[in-house]
């Protein structure tokens, strides 16, 4: 009982000490009081599991705890001027125990209870240490259940989600593009190095400067090449391995739409050019990224990685759009599914993202024409959200797929289309 009472007293004393040693008063010979000050936040710091808010009543759980520990009845009284007190009857167990504590310390048995409390307030550091120990003990006790612990596969989502990872992104030149938005997401979430790649280099240097300014701890490398050029794809992967000894994410995002004409008007060369950029580039990314992701180093002790291909909702359902474009994007989905099986056991995952209508450099003509006609509000009206999407909305899915949070996601086509692929297109208005 002595230990229990001592713990209760020290909790109360520790709270007094944490109030910056504010005035301790004795009222009418039987009430110990302390200026409340920021009483709610102090209580929450001391015993968060016992706090119910920022009101005086939030002290009651703690006082109940103290009354059990010390075997006495107590209650709060309002003294005025923001001061609250603890009613302690004279000759109570608390007074008796305070005197016992004093008799075993340098204070002496004749020391008054008030002076004992004030003396302990002077030992604020030690009191705070006891408070922290009690807080951890209470948290540990409250969290102890009969349920087994949760097996966690990734860190806290509020922290860096791709800490230390090396990332390659193709199709990263457009100022409005998914590649640029994705590079920012990976940089913001702790990537060690990001390769921004595109056949056009008009904006790459500006993107690099922008990322370096916002995230100075990230290495940014600009590579200008055709994403369907096998030698160049191999070269950028080799460079990542030579520099960092690892490759973690390859986002194969390069793509073109091709001409918006009837399929009978396409030449075979035009058809194959769309498939070359949209499909072959993803195949080559997987061909060279997968073996690189299986390599280990001191910072990456096991085989793992994420290959992401940009497909399209047009690859999931038919429409009246470009035939080679839709075919090429359907092929990307099939590549993700097939390669995921061929990489079984490697812990290298392959997935496809299927955007709907997103405002990017590639779709800019559609948006510009709609704005010129004053019909831009109709963009995306066929999907349940009734709007087009933003590049950042795709980038955040790419970040998820590139992080350990998606460690059990493999061989999937992620539709990010406002719900367009969920059913038949909804045309607003009367049908007849």
Protein backbone atom coordinates (compact mmCIF):
# COMPACT_ATOMS: atom_id res chain seq x y z
CA UNK A 1 0.00 0.00 0.00
CA UNK A 2 2.91 2.34 0.72
CA UNK A 3 4.17 1.93 -2.84
CA UNK A 4 0.69 2.49 -4.27
CA UNK A 5 0.13 5.58 -2.20
CA UNK A 6 3.59 6.89 -3.01
CA UNK A 7 2.87 6.45 -6.73
CA UNK A 8 -0.40 8.33 -6.37
CA UNK A 9 1.24 11.17 -4.47
CA UNK A 10 4.07 11.39 -6.97
CA UNK A 11 1.61 11.60 -9.86
CA UNK A 12 -0.08 14.53 -8.15
CA UNK A 13 3.28 16.08 -7.28
CA UNK A 14 4.55 15.54 -10.81
CA UNK A 15 1.56 17.37 -12.22
CA UNK A 16 2.22 20.24 -9.85
CA UNK A 17 5.86 20.27 -10.95
CA UNK A 18 4.88 20.25 -14.60
CA UNK A 19 2.80 23.38 -13.94
CA UNK A 20 6.09 25.24 -13.79
CA UNK A 21 6.08 25.08 -9.96
CA UNK A 22 3.12 27.41 -9.67
CA UNK A 23 1.81 28.34 -6.24
CA UNK A 24 0.83 25.55 -3.85
CA UNK A 25 -1.69 26.75 -1.28
CA UNK A 26 -3.23 25.39 1.90
CA UNK A 27 -6.81 26.56 2.36
CA UNK A 28 -8.65 26.28 5.70
CA UNK A 29 -6.04 23.85 6.91
CA UNK A 30 -7.24 20.91 4.81
CA UNK A 31 -7.19 21.78 1.10
CA UNK A 32 -4.16 21.58 -1.18
CA UNK A 33 -4.59 23.68 -4.29
CA UNK A 34 -2.65 24.56 -7.37
CA UNK A 35 -3.27 27.30 -9.93
CA UNK A 36 -5.01 25.57 -12.79
CA UNK A 37 -3.24 27.43 -15.59
CA UNK A 38 -3.38 25.28 -18.70
CA UNK A 39 -4.81 22.45 -16.61
CA UNK A 40 -6.38 20.45 -19.44
CA UNK A 41 -3.28 20.19 -21.58
CA UNK A 42 -1.11 19.47 -18.53
CA UNK A 43 -3.34 16.58 -17.59
CA UNK A 44 -3.30 15.29 -21.14
CA UNK A 45 0.49 15.41 -21.14
CA UNK A 46 0.71 13.63 -17.82
CA UNK A 47 -1.95 10.94 -18.12
CA UNK A 48 -3.52 11.06 -21.60
CA UNK A 49 -5.42 7.82 -21.02
CA UNK A 50 -7.27 9.38 -18.08
CA UNK A 51 -8.09 12.69 -19.75
CA UNK A 52 -11.51 13.49 -21.18
CA UNK A 53 -10.97 16.98 -22.44
CA UNK A 54 -9.90 20.44 -21.48
CA UNK A 55 -12.52 21.09 -18.77
CA UNK A 56 -12.06 21.00 -14.98
CA UNK A 57 -14.17 17.84 -14.96
CA UNK A 58 -11.39 16.13 -16.91
CA UNK A 59 -9.47 15.94 -13.62
CA UNK A 60 -12.03 13.58 -12.14
CA UNK A 61 -10.64 10.33 -13.61
CA UNK A 62 -7.19 11.18 -12.26
CA UNK A 63 -8.60 12.09 -8.85
CA UNK A 64 -10.56 8.86 -8.78
CA UNK A 65 -7.32 7.03 -9.48
CA UNK A 66 -5.61 8.88 -6.64
CA UNK A 67 -8.47 8.17 -4.24
CA UNK A 68 -8.23 4.45 -4.95
CA UNK A 69 -4.46 4.48 -4.59
CA UNK A 70 -4.51 6.46 -1.33
CA UNK A 71 -7.78 5.04 0.09
CA UNK A 72 -9.48 8.35 0.69
CA UNK A 73 -12.43 10.24 -0.73
CA UNK A 74 -11.68 13.41 -2.69
CA UNK A 75 -13.48 15.93 -4.83
CA UNK A 76 -12.80 19.06 -6.86
CA UNK A 77 -13.66 22.51 -5.55
CA UNK A 78 -13.60 25.78 -7.45
CA UNK A 79 -11.55 28.33 -5.52
CA UNK A 80 -11.74 31.17 -8.04
CA UNK A 81 -9.36 32.95 -10.40
CA UNK A 82 -8.82 29.80 -12.39
CA UNK A 83 -7.73 27.77 -9.35
CA UNK A 84 -9.00 24.33 -8.42
CA UNK A 85 -8.25 22.37 -5.28
CA UNK A 86 -8.27 18.81 -4.00
CA UNK A 87 -10.23 18.33 -0.77
CA UNK A 88 -8.16 16.27 1.69
CA UNK A 89 -9.69 15.78 5.16
CA UNK A 90 -7.32 16.38 8.10
CA UNK A 91 -5.80 13.26 9.65
CA UNK A 92 -6.47 11.41 6.40
CA UNK A 93 -4.42 8.59 4.93
CA UNK A 94 -2.81 11.07 2.55
CA UNK A 95 -1.55 13.29 5.36
CA UNK A 96 -0.30 10.25 7.23
CA UNK A 97 1.57 8.95 4.19
CA UNK A 98 3.06 12.35 3.45
CA UNK A 99 4.45 12.39 6.95
CA UNK A 100 5.84 8.86 6.51
CA UNK A 101 7.56 9.99 3.31
CA UNK A 102 9.01 12.98 5.13
CA UNK A 103 10.30 10.87 8.02
CA UNK A 104 12.30 8.73 5.59
CA UNK A 105 13.76 11.69 3.73
CA UNK A 106 15.96 14.65 4.56
CA UNK A 107 12.84 16.69 5.36
CA UNK A 108 12.12 15.14 8.74
CA UNK A 109 8.87 13.88 10.23
CA UNK A 110 7.87 17.30 11.56
CA UNK A 111 7.70 18.83 8.09
CA UNK A 112 4.20 19.97 7.16
CA UNK A 113 2.39 18.24 4.29
CA UNK A 114 2.41 21.49 2.35
CA UNK A 115 6.21 21.79 2.60
CA UNK A 116 6.59 18.17 1.58
CA UNK A 117 4.57 18.80 -1.56
CA UNK A 118 6.50 22.00 -2.29
CA UNK A 119 9.78 20.14 -1.84
CA UNK A 120 8.75 17.53 -4.34
CA UNK A 121 7.72 20.29 -6.75
CA UNK A 122 11.35 21.44 -6.72
CA UNK A 123 12.36 18.06 -8.11
CA UNK A 124 10.52 18.71 -11.36
CA UNK A 125 12.79 16.67 -13.59
CA UNK A 126 12.46 13.57 -11.44
CA UNK A 127 8.73 14.10 -11.14
CA UNK A 128 8.37 14.41 -14.88
CA UNK A 129 10.33 11.20 -15.28
CA UNK A 130 7.90 9.40 -13.00
CA UNK A 131 4.98 10.88 -14.90
CA UNK A 132 6.40 9.61 -18.19
CA UNK A 133 7.03 6.16 -16.72
CA UNK A 134 3.45 6.03 -15.43
CA UNK A 135 2.09 7.18 -18.78
CA UNK A 136 3.94 4.41 -20.59
CA UNK A 137 2.81 1.90 -18.00
CA UNK A 138 -0.82 2.94 -18.41
CA UNK A 139 -0.58 2.83 -22.21
CA UNK A 140 1.04 -0.59 -22.09
CA UNK A 141 -1.57 -1.93 -19.69
CA UNK A 142 -4.49 -0.52 -21.67
CA UNK A 143 -3.22 -1.92 -24.97
CA UNK A 144 -2.63 -5.40 -23.59
CA UNK A 145 -5.43 -7.64 -24.87
CA UNK A 146 -5.97 -11.24 -25.79
CA UNK A 147 -5.77 -10.35 -29.49
CA UNK A 148 -2.59 -11.17 -31.41
CA UNK A 149 -0.47 -8.24 -32.63
CA UNK A 150 -1.03 -6.88 -36.13
CA UNK A 151 1.71 -7.82 -38.57
CA UNK A 152 2.78 -4.56 -40.19
CA UNK A 153 4.26 -4.56 -43.68
CA UNK A 154 5.08 -0.86 -43.98
CA UNK A 155 5.79 2.19 -41.88
CA UNK A 156 3.34 4.80 -40.72
CA UNK A 157 1.48 6.29 -43.70
CA UNK A 158 1.89 9.75 -42.22
CA UNK A 159 5.66 9.47 -42.68
CA UNK A 160 7.83 9.06 -45.80
CA UNK A 161 6.29 6.23 -47.81
CA UNK A 162 9.19 5.47 -50.17
CA UNK A 163 12.10 6.31 -47.89
CA UNK A 164 15.47 5.68 -49.58
CA UNK A 165 14.00 4.20 -52.77
CA UNK A 166 15.42 4.73 -56.25
CA UNK A 167 12.75 5.58 -58.83
CA UNK A 168 12.70 5.82 -62.65
CA UNK A 169 9.83 7.66 -64.36
CA UNK A 170 9.38 7.90 -68.11
CA UNK A 171 7.05 10.36 -69.81
CA UNK A 172 8.08 13.06 -67.33
CA UNK A 173 8.57 16.12 -69.53
CA UNK A 174 5.07 17.62 -69.72
CA UNK A 175 4.41 20.53 -67.38
CA UNK A 176 0.86 19.21 -66.86
CA UNK A 177 1.77 15.55 -66.97
CA UNK A 178 1.40 12.53 -64.73
CA UNK A 179 5.16 12.01 -64.80
CA UNK A 180 5.96 15.39 -63.29
CA UNK A 181 3.26 15.05 -60.63
CA UNK A 182 4.52 11.58 -59.76
CA UNK A 183 8.11 12.76 -59.43
CA UNK A 184 6.94 15.29 -56.85
CA UNK A 185 5.00 12.67 -54.91
CA UNK A 186 7.99 10.32 -54.75
CA UNK A 187 10.34 13.16 -53.81
CA UNK A 188 8.02 14.42 -51.09
CA UNK A 189 7.77 10.93 -49.64
CA UNK A 190 11.45 10.27 -49.13
CA UNK A 191 12.82 8.86 -52.38
CA UNK A 192 16.61 8.86 -52.46
CA UNK A 193 16.91 9.35 -56.22
CA UNK A 194 14.50 10.00 -59.09
CA UNK A 195 15.26 9.64 -62.79
CA UNK A 196 12.95 11.84 -64.86
CA UNK A 197 13.02 10.67 -68.47
CA UNK A 198 11.39 11.71 -71.72
CA UNK A 199 12.10 11.84 -75.43
CA UNK A 200 11.45 15.57 -75.28
CA UNK A 201 13.75 17.48 -72.99
CA UNK A 202 12.13 20.90 -73.13
CA UNK A 203 11.04 20.90 -69.48
CA UNK A 204 13.28 18.30 -67.81
CA UNK A 205 15.86 20.80 -66.54
CA UNK A 206 13.12 23.00 -65.11
CA UNK A 207 11.54 19.99 -63.41
CA UNK A 208 14.89 19.02 -61.90
CA UNK A 209 15.45 22.56 -60.59
CA UNK A 210 11.95 22.65 -59.13
CA UNK A 211 12.33 19.32 -57.30
CA UNK A 212 15.81 20.19 -56.03
CA UNK A 213 14.48 23.43 -54.57
CA UNK A 214 11.51 21.79 -52.89
CA UNK A 215 13.25 18.57 -51.78
CA UNK A 216 17.00 19.23 -51.54
CA UNK A 217 17.77 15.77 -50.18
CA UNK A 218 16.65 14.01 -53.37
CA UNK A 219 19.02 13.23 -56.25
CA UNK A 220 17.32 14.11 -59.54
CA UNK A 221 18.71 12.85 -62.86
CA UNK A 222 17.43 14.00 -66.26
CA UNK A 223 17.57 11.48 -69.09
CA UNK A 224 16.39 12.27 -72.59
CA UNK A 225 15.62 9.18 -74.66
CA UNK A 226 12.94 7.21 -76.48
CA UNK A 227 11.24 4.96 -73.91
CA UNK A 228 10.86 2.28 -76.59
CA UNK A 229 14.60 2.23 -77.34
CA UNK A 230 15.89 -0.95 -75.71
CA UNK A 231 19.51 0.17 -75.39
CA UNK A 232 18.49 3.42 -73.69
CA UNK A 233 16.14 1.70 -71.25
CA UNK A 234 18.92 -0.70 -70.30
CA UNK A 235 21.34 2.22 -69.90
CA UNK A 236 19.19 4.14 -67.41
CA UNK A 237 18.58 1.00 -65.34
CA UNK A 238 22.32 0.22 -65.33
CA UNK A 239 23.08 3.77 -64.25
CA UNK A 240 20.76 3.45 -61.25
CA UNK A 241 22.44 0.19 -60.23
CA UNK A 242 25.94 1.60 -60.67
CA UNK A 243 25.17 4.73 -58.65
CA UNK A 244 22.97 3.34 -55.90
CA UNK A 245 23.23 -0.43 -56.05
CA UNK A 246 19.47 -0.76 -56.25
CA UNK A 247 16.31 -0.02 -58.22
CA UNK A 248 12.97 0.02 -56.45
CA UNK A 249 10.34 1.58 -58.72
CA UNK A 250 10.03 1.89 -62.50
CA UNK A 251 6.98 3.90 -63.57
CA UNK A 252 6.64 3.33 -67.33
CA UNK A 253 4.44 6.32 -68.06
CA UNK A 254 5.44 7.29 -71.62
CA UNK A 255 2.61 7.32 -74.12
CA UNK A 256 0.98 8.94 -77.14
CA UNK A 257 -2.61 9.06 -78.40
CA UNK A 258 -2.04 8.79 -82.13
CA UNK A 259 -4.39 10.27 -84.69
CA UNK A 260 -8.07 10.51 -83.85
CA UNK A 261 -9.32 8.99 -87.08
CA UNK A 262 -11.31 5.92 -88.04
CA UNK A 263 -9.38 2.65 -87.91
CA UNK A 264 -9.73 2.31 -91.69
CA UNK A 265 -7.66 5.45 -92.11
CA UNK A 266 -4.66 4.24 -90.08
CA UNK A 267 -1.60 2.97 -91.88
CA UNK A 268 0.17 -0.03 -90.45
CA UNK A 269 3.15 2.17 -89.61
CA UNK A 270 0.95 4.58 -87.65
CA UNK A 271 -0.71 1.71 -85.84
CA UNK A 272 2.61 0.14 -84.88
CA UNK A 273 4.06 3.47 -83.78
CA UNK A 274 1.33 3.84 -81.15
CA UNK A 275 1.88 0.29 -79.92
CA UNK A 276 5.63 0.83 -79.89
CA UNK A 277 5.48 3.84 -77.58
CA UNK A 278 2.55 2.76 -75.43
CA UNK A 279 3.16 -0.99 -75.11
CA UNK A 280 6.73 -1.86 -76.07
CA UNK A 281 8.05 0.80 -73.68
CA UNK A 282 6.29 -0.92 -70.77
CA UNK A 283 7.61 -4.31 -71.86
CA UNK A 284 11.18 -2.99 -72.00
CA UNK A 285 10.81 -1.32 -68.62
CA UNK A 286 9.77 -4.63 -67.08
CA UNK A 287 12.44 -6.59 -68.97
CA UNK A 288 15.30 -4.58 -67.49
CA UNK A 289 13.81 -3.32 -64.24
CA UNK A 290 12.79 -6.74 -62.91
CA UNK A 291 16.31 -8.25 -62.80
CA UNK A 292 17.65 -5.00 -61.35
CA UNK A 293 15.04 -5.06 -58.59
CA UNK A 294 16.07 -8.59 -57.65
CA UNK A 295 19.60 -7.42 -56.87
CA UNK A 296 20.38 -6.80 -53.23
CA UNK A 297 22.77 -4.55 -51.35
CA UNK A 298 23.49 -3.58 -47.76
CA UNK A 299 20.59 -1.11 -47.78
CA UNK A 300 18.28 -3.52 -49.61
CA UNK A 301 18.81 -7.02 -48.23
CA UNK A 302 16.05 -8.75 -50.20
CA UNK A 303 14.65 -8.90 -53.71
CA UNK A 304 11.70 -6.54 -54.15
CA UNK A 305 10.39 -3.80 -56.39
CA UNK A 306 7.41 -2.30 -58.18
CA UNK A 307 6.91 -1.92 -61.93
CA UNK A 308 4.01 0.33 -62.91
CA UNK A 309 2.67 0.80 -66.43
CA UNK A 310 0.31 3.54 -67.52
CA UNK A 311 -2.60 1.94 -69.33
CA UNK A 312 -6.02 3.60 -69.70
CA UNK A 313 -9.68 3.06 -69.01
CA UNK A 314 -9.82 2.74 -72.81
CA UNK A 315 -7.92 -0.51 -72.36
CA UNK A 316 -10.64 -1.88 -70.09
CA UNK A 317 -13.74 -1.11 -72.13
CA UNK A 318 -14.45 -0.33 -75.75
CA UNK A 319 -15.42 3.09 -76.99
CA UNK A 320 -15.31 5.08 -80.18
CA UNK A 321 -11.82 6.41 -79.56
CA UNK A 322 -8.55 5.65 -81.28
CA UNK A 323 -8.27 1.96 -82.17
CA UNK A 324 -4.49 1.63 -81.80
CA UNK A 325 -4.56 3.63 -78.57
CA UNK A 326 -7.19 1.40 -76.98
CA UNK A 327 -5.45 -1.74 -78.21
CA UNK A 328 -2.08 -0.58 -76.89
CA UNK A 329 -3.50 0.19 -73.46
CA UNK A 330 -5.31 -3.14 -73.25
CA UNK A 331 -1.95 -4.74 -74.01
CA UNK A 332 -0.38 -2.91 -71.06
CA UNK A 333 -2.98 -4.45 -68.74
CA UNK A 334 -2.23 -7.88 -70.18
CA UNK A 335 1.51 -7.32 -69.77
CA UNK A 336 1.05 -6.47 -66.09
CA UNK A 337 -0.99 -9.60 -65.48
CA UNK A 338 1.26 -11.96 -67.42
CA UNK A 339 4.61 -10.63 -66.18
CA UNK A 340 3.35 -10.66 -62.58
CA UNK A 341 2.97 -14.43 -62.91
CA UNK A 342 6.30 -14.86 -64.66
CA UNK A 343 7.99 -13.05 -61.76
CA UNK A 344 6.36 -15.33 -59.18
CA UNK A 345 8.45 -15.67 -56.04
CA UNK A 346 10.70 -12.69 -56.80
CA UNK A 347 8.72 -10.17 -54.72
CA UNK A 348 8.78 -7.87 -57.75
CA UNK A 349 5.26 -6.65 -58.45
CA UNK A 350 3.77 -5.43 -61.73
CA UNK A 351 0.60 -3.36 -61.95
CA UNK A 352 -1.13 -1.05 -64.41
CA UNK A 353 -2.86 2.27 -63.76
CA UNK A 354 -5.86 2.98 -65.99
CA UNK A 355 -6.62 6.71 -65.95
CA UNK A 356 -9.82 8.18 -67.25
CA UNK A 357 -9.85 11.63 -68.83
CA UNK A 358 -7.02 13.48 -67.06
CA UNK A 359 -5.92 17.02 -67.84
CA UNK A 360 -2.35 16.56 -69.07
CA UNK A 361 -0.22 17.84 -71.91
CA UNK A 362 -1.51 14.97 -74.06
CA UNK A 363 -5.18 15.83 -73.48
CA UNK A 364 -4.64 19.60 -73.49
CA UNK A 365 -6.24 20.02 -76.97
CA UNK A 366 -9.48 18.48 -75.68
CA UNK A 367 -9.62 20.81 -72.71
CA UNK A 368 -8.61 23.87 -74.72
CA UNK A 369 -11.27 23.21 -77.35
CA UNK A 370 -13.93 22.71 -74.67
CA UNK A 371 -12.96 25.94 -72.95
CA UNK A 372 -13.05 27.79 -76.24
CA UNK A 373 -16.61 26.53 -76.80
CA UNK A 374 -17.60 27.27 -73.22
CA UNK A 375 -18.40 23.60 -72.66
CA UNK A 376 -15.55 22.66 -70.35
CA UNK A 377 -18.03 21.87 -67.56
CA UNK A 378 -19.19 18.94 -69.69
CA UNK A 379 -15.77 17.30 -69.56
CA UNK A 380 -16.05 14.02 -67.74
CA UNK A 381 -19.85 14.14 -67.67
CA UNK A 382 -20.06 10.45 -68.59
CA UNK A 383 -18.53 9.33 -65.29
CA UNK A 384 -20.39 9.41 -61.95
CA UNK A 385 -18.14 12.15 -60.57
CA UNK A 386 -19.09 14.38 -63.54
CA UNK A 387 -15.61 15.84 -63.93
CA UNK A 388 -12.22 15.22 -65.44
CA UNK A 389 -9.26 14.21 -63.33
CA UNK A 390 -5.97 15.83 -62.36
CA UNK A 391 -2.49 14.43 -62.84
CA UNK A 392 -1.91 14.45 -59.09
CA UNK A 393 -4.78 12.01 -58.64
CA UNK A 394 -2.91 9.48 -60.77
CA UNK A 395 0.43 10.31 -59.16
CA UNK A 396 -0.90 9.40 -55.73
CA UNK A 397 -1.94 5.97 -56.97
CA UNK A 398 1.52 5.52 -58.49
CA UNK A 399 3.03 6.45 -55.13
CA UNK A 400 0.88 3.85 -53.39
CA UNK A 401 1.81 1.14 -55.90
CA UNK A 402 5.48 2.07 -55.55
CA UNK A 403 5.39 1.92 -51.75
CA UNK A 404 5.48 -1.04 -49.39
CA UNK A 405 1.86 -0.28 -48.51
CA UNK A 406 0.85 -2.09 -51.71
CA UNK A 407 3.07 -5.11 -51.02
CA UNK A 408 0.18 -7.54 -51.70
CA UNK A 409 -1.07 -5.78 -54.84
CA UNK A 410 0.17 -7.52 -57.97
CA UNK A 411 -0.99 -8.09 -61.54
CA UNK A 412 -3.83 -5.60 -61.24
CA UNK A 413 -5.33 -2.86 -63.39
CA UNK A 414 -6.17 0.14 -61.22
CA UNK A 415 -8.94 2.21 -62.80
CA UNK A 416 -8.69 5.86 -61.75
CA UNK A 417 -11.49 7.16 -63.94
CA UNK A 418 -14.12 8.80 -61.75
CA UNK A 419 -16.19 5.62 -61.97
CA UNK A 420 -16.47 5.49 -65.77
CA UNK A 421 -15.42 1.84 -65.89
CA UNK A 422 -17.93 0.85 -63.20
CA UNK A 423 -20.85 0.51 -65.60
CA UNK A 424 -22.51 1.92 -68.66
CA UNK A 425 -21.83 5.61 -69.29
CA UNK A 426 -24.44 7.86 -67.71
CA UNK A 427 -25.72 10.54 -70.05
CA UNK A 428 -27.33 13.42 -68.11
CA UNK A 429 -30.80 14.46 -69.18
CA UNK A 430 -33.82 12.69 -70.61
CA UNK A 431 -33.25 9.74 -72.91
CA UNK A 432 -36.29 10.57 -75.04
